[in-house]
Amino acid sequence: MQYPYFRSERFKKEYKKLDPHQQILVKKKIDKIVENPEIGKPLRSPLQNFKSERVEKLRIIYVLEGKLIKFAWIDDRGHVYD
């Protein structure tokens, strides 16, 4: 079952900055998350409602609200939790 999803403006902006190879990898990971949103790693406070999924050195941060997946942001793992 595919869950409906929404990409925030921040996510869209950061996605456009990625090189084409990274964009392909992120798109593939989004497809996997949409099929099974529970695959992501649960984050700790203050981001306890969010999940994180790895794509090379990037992290995709998202939240599952009911049956809707909201992709919040994407960034390098060293900066994503700032």
Protein backbone atom coordinates (compact mmCIF):
# COMPACT_ATOMS: atom_id res chain seq x y z
CA MET A 1 0.00 0.00 0.00
CA GLN A 2 1.32 3.40 -0.93
CA TYR A 3 0.77 6.19 1.55
CA PRO A 4 0.00 9.68 0.27
CA TYR A 5 2.81 12.14 0.89
CA PHE A 6 3.57 15.84 1.01
CA ARG A 7 6.94 17.56 0.50
CA SER A 8 7.54 20.77 2.43
CA GLU A 9 8.91 23.86 0.70
CA ARG A 10 12.17 23.38 2.59
CA PHE A 11 12.42 19.79 1.35
CA LYS A 12 11.75 20.85 -2.26
CA LYS A 13 14.34 23.63 -2.07
CA GLU A 14 17.03 21.34 -0.63
CA TYR A 15 16.18 18.58 -3.13
CA LYS A 16 16.78 20.96 -6.05
CA LYS A 17 20.28 21.71 -4.71
CA LEU A 18 21.32 18.05 -4.90
CA ASP A 19 23.31 16.75 -7.84
CA PRO A 20 21.39 14.51 -10.30
CA HIS A 21 22.85 11.29 -8.89
CA GLN A 22 21.76 12.19 -5.36
CA GLN A 23 18.30 13.19 -6.61
CA ILE A 24 17.84 9.73 -8.13
CA LEU A 25 18.90 8.03 -4.88
CA VAL A 26 16.61 10.25 -2.81
CA LYS A 27 13.68 9.56 -5.14
CA LYS A 28 14.25 5.79 -4.81
CA LYS A 29 14.36 6.11 -1.01
CA ILE A 30 11.15 8.18 -1.02
CA ASP A 31 9.48 5.39 -3.01
CA LYS A 32 10.55 2.88 -0.33
CA ILE A 33 9.35 5.14 2.49
CA VAL A 34 5.97 5.62 0.78
CA GLU A 35 5.57 1.84 0.63
CA ASN A 36 6.58 1.34 4.28
CA PRO A 37 6.93 4.53 6.37
CA GLU A 38 8.00 2.57 9.44
CA ILE A 39 11.46 1.82 7.96
CA GLY A 40 12.90 5.11 9.20
CA LYS A 41 14.83 5.46 12.44
CA PRO A 42 12.78 7.22 15.15
CA LEU A 43 14.45 10.39 16.38
CA ARG A 44 14.85 11.57 19.96
CA SER A 45 13.68 14.74 21.64
CA PRO A 46 13.11 17.45 20.46
CA LEU A 47 12.41 15.66 17.15
CA GLN A 48 10.64 12.69 18.72
CA ASN A 49 7.76 12.70 16.21
CA PHE A 50 10.10 12.49 13.22
CA LYS A 51 11.88 9.63 11.50
CA SER A 52 15.18 9.67 9.62
CA GLU A 53 16.30 7.61 6.66
CA ARG A 54 19.84 7.50 5.20
CA VAL A 55 20.85 8.13 1.61
CA GLU A 56 24.65 8.07 1.43
CA LYS A 57 25.72 11.03 3.60
CA LEU A 58 22.28 12.62 3.47
CA ARG A 59 19.35 12.21 5.83
CA ILE A 60 15.69 12.46 4.87
CA ILE A 61 13.59 13.69 7.79
CA TYR A 62 9.88 12.93 7.72
CA VAL A 63 6.87 12.47 9.94
CA LEU A 64 3.91 10.13 9.61
CA GLU A 65 0.64 11.88 10.51
CA GLY A 66 -2.17 9.39 10.29
CA LYS A 67 -1.95 8.01 6.76
CA LEU A 68 -0.03 11.05 5.39
CA ILE A 69 3.77 11.17 5.16
CA LYS A 70 5.22 14.67 5.42
CA PHE A 71 8.78 14.99 4.16
CA ALA A 72 10.13 17.86 6.24
CA TRP A 73 13.73 18.39 5.12
CA ILE A 74 16.84 16.78 3.72
CA ASP A 75 20.42 17.68 4.52
CA ASP A 76 23.93 16.40 5.11
CA ARG A 77 24.08 14.23 8.20
CA GLY A 78 26.37 16.70 9.96
CA HIS A 79 23.81 19.54 9.69
CA VAL A 80 20.43 17.86 9.48
CA TYR A 81 19.67 17.89 13.21
CA ASP A 82 20.70 21.52 13.83
